[in-house]
């Protein structure tokens, strides 16, 4: 079966020939891997993305008309899959240990093991960590958290500054804290903050 043309392999794979499907993967993997390396989103491992692409290729194999070379058709699926994954990562950002500096990671580890106040040399790193966490908040949530917790303003003062109702301020502050806690939990800091 090694000497079959791509079109013959496609037809055999459509008839549920496992060996033909393996041959297609072997032939197309270098191309798919190259496309993934060129367009890979930051958080998705290369192997996972290649696997997603091959799943799509086999799901859509019956749609391959043969009017273009198989490699072009697969390349298009690969690029579109990568772009879709990049978009989904933009919509659902995530903070990972790799995104943190050594100092910020030390703050996270300190938060995970104790509730004591931070040492003075870690205060700048903790501020930078808060700024990373702010990236996951909407602008209005950032403003409320900044005014409430970093500037120490009261709910009434925030109401006067923003014109928002006190109930809305409390709800937005709660939601913002929940988002920040979720990101810290992903980093290994317990939910007891």
Protein backbone atom coordinates (compact mmCIF):
# COMPACT_ATOMS: atom_id res chain seq x y z
CA UNK A 1 0.00 0.00 0.00
CA UNK A 2 3.08 2.26 0.28
CA UNK A 3 3.03 3.01 -3.44
CA UNK A 4 -0.59 4.24 -3.58
CA UNK A 5 -1.25 7.79 -4.70
CA UNK A 6 -2.87 10.19 -2.20
CA UNK A 7 -6.24 9.99 -4.00
CA UNK A 8 -6.22 6.19 -3.75
CA UNK A 9 -5.33 6.43 -0.04
CA UNK A 10 -8.23 8.84 0.49
CA UNK A 11 -10.66 6.47 -1.20
CA UNK A 12 -9.35 3.52 0.82
CA UNK A 13 -9.58 5.53 4.06
CA UNK A 14 -13.16 6.46 3.22
CA UNK A 15 -13.87 2.70 3.03
CA UNK A 16 -12.57 2.47 6.64
CA UNK A 17 -9.21 0.96 5.67
CA UNK A 18 -7.10 1.55 8.80
CA UNK A 19 -3.82 0.96 6.99
CA UNK A 20 -4.71 3.61 4.39
CA UNK A 21 -5.56 6.06 7.17
CA UNK A 22 -2.19 5.37 8.83
CA UNK A 23 -0.42 5.94 5.52
CA UNK A 24 -2.23 9.27 5.07
CA UNK A 25 -1.17 10.39 8.54
CA UNK A 26 2.44 9.34 7.89
CA UNK A 27 2.54 11.22 4.59
CA UNK A 28 0.78 14.34 5.83
CA UNK A 29 2.26 14.63 9.34
CA UNK A 30 5.42 16.56 8.31
CA UNK A 31 3.26 19.10 6.46
CA UNK A 32 0.77 19.44 9.32
CA UNK A 33 3.54 19.77 11.92
CA UNK A 34 5.20 22.50 9.83
CA UNK A 35 1.91 24.40 9.56
CA UNK A 36 1.31 24.07 13.30
CA UNK A 37 4.80 25.36 14.13
CA UNK A 38 4.15 28.38 11.90
CA UNK A 39 0.71 29.20 13.29
CA UNK A 40 0.56 27.56 16.73
CA UNK A 41 -1.21 29.39 19.51
CA UNK A 42 0.89 29.91 22.62
CA UNK A 43 -0.93 27.63 25.05
CA UNK A 44 -1.79 24.64 22.88
CA UNK A 45 0.87 21.93 22.58
CA UNK A 46 1.96 21.05 19.06
CA UNK A 47 0.96 17.39 19.39
CA UNK A 48 -2.56 18.30 20.57
CA UNK A 49 -3.07 20.68 17.69
CA UNK A 50 -1.81 18.14 15.13
CA UNK A 51 -4.23 15.61 16.57
CA UNK A 52 -7.11 18.10 16.31
CA UNK A 53 -6.20 18.77 12.69
CA UNK A 54 -6.12 15.09 11.75
CA UNK A 55 -9.47 14.54 13.43
CA UNK A 56 -10.91 17.32 11.27
CA UNK A 57 -9.21 15.95 8.16
CA UNK A 58 -10.77 12.52 8.66
CA UNK A 59 -14.16 13.99 9.58
CA UNK A 60 -14.17 16.01 6.34
CA UNK A 61 -12.42 13.49 4.13
CA UNK A 62 -15.62 12.78 2.19
CA UNK A 63 -15.68 16.49 1.21
CA UNK A 64 -12.28 16.26 -0.51
CA UNK A 65 -13.07 16.65 -4.21
CA UNK A 66 -9.60 16.03 -5.63
CA UNK A 67 -9.71 19.31 -7.59
CA UNK A 68 -6.73 20.57 -5.59
CA UNK A 69 -3.80 18.54 -4.28
CA UNK A 70 -4.53 16.80 -0.98
CA UNK A 71 -1.66 18.67 0.66
CA UNK A 72 -3.25 22.05 -0.16
CA UNK A 73 -6.60 20.93 1.21
CA UNK A 74 -5.00 19.65 4.43
CA UNK A 75 -2.91 22.83 4.75
CA UNK A 76 -6.04 24.92 4.66
CA UNK A 77 -7.65 22.82 7.41
CA UNK A 78 -4.45 23.10 9.46
CA UNK A 79 -4.21 26.87 9.16
CA UNK A 80 -7.92 27.38 9.89
CA UNK A 81 -7.69 25.11 12.95
CA UNK A 82 -4.68 27.05 14.26
CA UNK A 83 -6.39 30.40 13.69
CA UNK A 84 -9.55 29.18 15.43
CA UNK A 85 -7.47 28.03 18.40
CA UNK A 86 -5.65 31.38 18.54
CA UNK A 87 -9.02 33.18 18.59
CA UNK A 88 -10.34 30.93 21.36
CA UNK A 89 -7.25 31.70 23.46
CA UNK A 90 -7.85 35.42 22.97
CA UNK A 91 -11.45 35.04 24.11
CA UNK A 92 -10.49 32.95 27.13
CA UNK A 93 -7.12 34.21 28.30
CA UNK A 94 -5.28 32.24 30.92
CA UNK A 95 -2.40 33.02 33.21
CA UNK A 96 0.22 30.30 33.57
CA UNK A 97 3.32 29.87 35.68
CA UNK A 98 5.44 30.38 32.56
CA UNK A 99 3.96 33.87 32.18
CA UNK A 100 5.28 34.94 35.59
CA UNK A 101 8.67 36.32 36.54
CA UNK A 102 10.66 34.52 39.25
CA UNK A 103 9.62 37.13 41.80
CA UNK A 104 5.94 36.84 40.88
CA UNK A 105 6.16 33.06 41.11
CA UNK A 106 7.68 33.42 44.59
CA UNK A 107 4.67 35.54 45.60
CA UNK A 108 2.29 32.88 44.27
CA UNK A 109 4.15 30.17 46.19
CA UNK A 110 4.07 32.31 49.34
CA UNK A 111 0.32 32.83 48.92
CA UNK A 112 -0.16 29.10 48.47
CA UNK A 113 1.57 28.15 51.71
CA UNK A 114 0.85 31.01 54.12
CA UNK A 115 -1.46 33.86 54.85
CA UNK A 116 1.28 36.02 56.36
CA UNK A 117 1.99 39.48 55.01
CA UNK A 118 4.48 39.67 52.17
CA UNK A 119 8.06 40.63 52.82
CA UNK A 120 8.97 44.11 51.54
CA UNK A 121 11.13 42.69 48.74
CA UNK A 122 8.09 40.79 47.36
CA UNK A 123 5.68 43.72 47.34
CA UNK A 124 6.70 44.89 43.86
CA UNK A 125 6.34 41.35 42.53
CA UNK A 126 2.91 41.09 44.15
CA UNK A 127 1.87 44.33 42.47
CA UNK A 128 3.05 42.93 39.13
CA UNK A 129 1.07 39.74 39.81
CA UNK A 130 -2.04 41.83 40.46
CA UNK A 131 -1.43 43.61 37.15
CA UNK A 132 -1.26 40.20 35.41
CA UNK A 133 -4.54 39.26 37.05
CA UNK A 134 -6.07 42.58 35.97
CA UNK A 135 -5.62 41.49 32.34
CA UNK A 136 -8.49 39.04 32.86
CA UNK A 137 -10.90 41.70 34.05
CA UNK A 138 -13.13 44.06 32.11
CA UNK A 139 -12.04 47.73 32.35
CA UNK A 140 -14.88 48.61 34.74
CA UNK A 141 -13.97 45.66 36.98
CA UNK A 142 -10.33 46.79 37.01
CA UNK A 143 -11.40 50.26 38.02
CA UNK A 144 -13.57 49.02 40.88
CA UNK A 145 -10.91 46.64 42.22
CA UNK A 146 -8.29 49.37 41.98
CA UNK A 147 -10.45 51.93 43.79
CA UNK A 148 -11.77 49.51 46.40
CA UNK A 149 -8.70 47.47 47.30
CA UNK A 150 -5.62 49.26 46.03
CA UNK A 151 -6.71 52.82 46.84
CA UNK A 152 -8.85 51.84 49.83
CA UNK A 153 -11.94 53.80 48.75
CA UNK A 154 -15.37 53.08 50.20
CA UNK A 155 -18.34 51.85 48.16
CA UNK A 156 -19.93 55.28 48.60
CA UNK A 157 -16.81 57.05 47.28
CA UNK A 158 -16.73 54.71 44.26
CA UNK A 159 -20.42 55.47 43.69
CA UNK A 160 -19.64 59.21 43.68
CA UNK A 161 -16.63 58.75 41.36
CA UNK A 162 -18.24 56.39 38.85
CA UNK A 163 -21.93 57.16 39.16
CA UNK A 164 -22.66 53.43 39.44
CA UNK A 165 -25.15 52.14 41.98
CA UNK A 166 -23.77 50.65 45.18
CA UNK A 167 -25.31 47.24 44.45
CA UNK A 168 -23.73 47.22 40.98
CA UNK A 169 -20.35 48.12 42.48
CA UNK A 170 -20.58 45.26 44.99
CA UNK A 171 -21.64 42.76 42.31
CA UNK A 172 -18.85 43.80 39.92
CA UNK A 173 -16.28 43.68 42.71
CA UNK A 174 -17.46 40.18 43.67
CA UNK A 175 -17.30 38.94 40.07
CA UNK A 176 -13.86 40.48 39.56
CA UNK A 177 -12.57 38.81 42.75
CA UNK A 178 -13.99 35.48 41.53
CA UNK A 179 -12.18 35.83 38.19
CA UNK A 180 -8.92 36.68 39.93
CA UNK A 181 -9.32 33.77 42.37
CA UNK A 182 -9.96 31.40 39.46
CA UNK A 183 -6.69 32.46 37.82
CA UNK A 184 -4.79 32.06 41.09
CA UNK A 185 -6.33 28.63 41.57
CA UNK A 186 -5.04 27.65 38.14
CA UNK A 187 -1.58 28.71 39.32
CA UNK A 188 -1.86 26.45 42.37
CA UNK A 189 -2.88 28.97 44.99
CA UNK A 190 -5.74 27.65 47.13
CA UNK A 191 -9.27 29.06 46.83
CA UNK A 192 -9.16 30.32 50.42
CA UNK A 193 -7.94 33.82 49.46
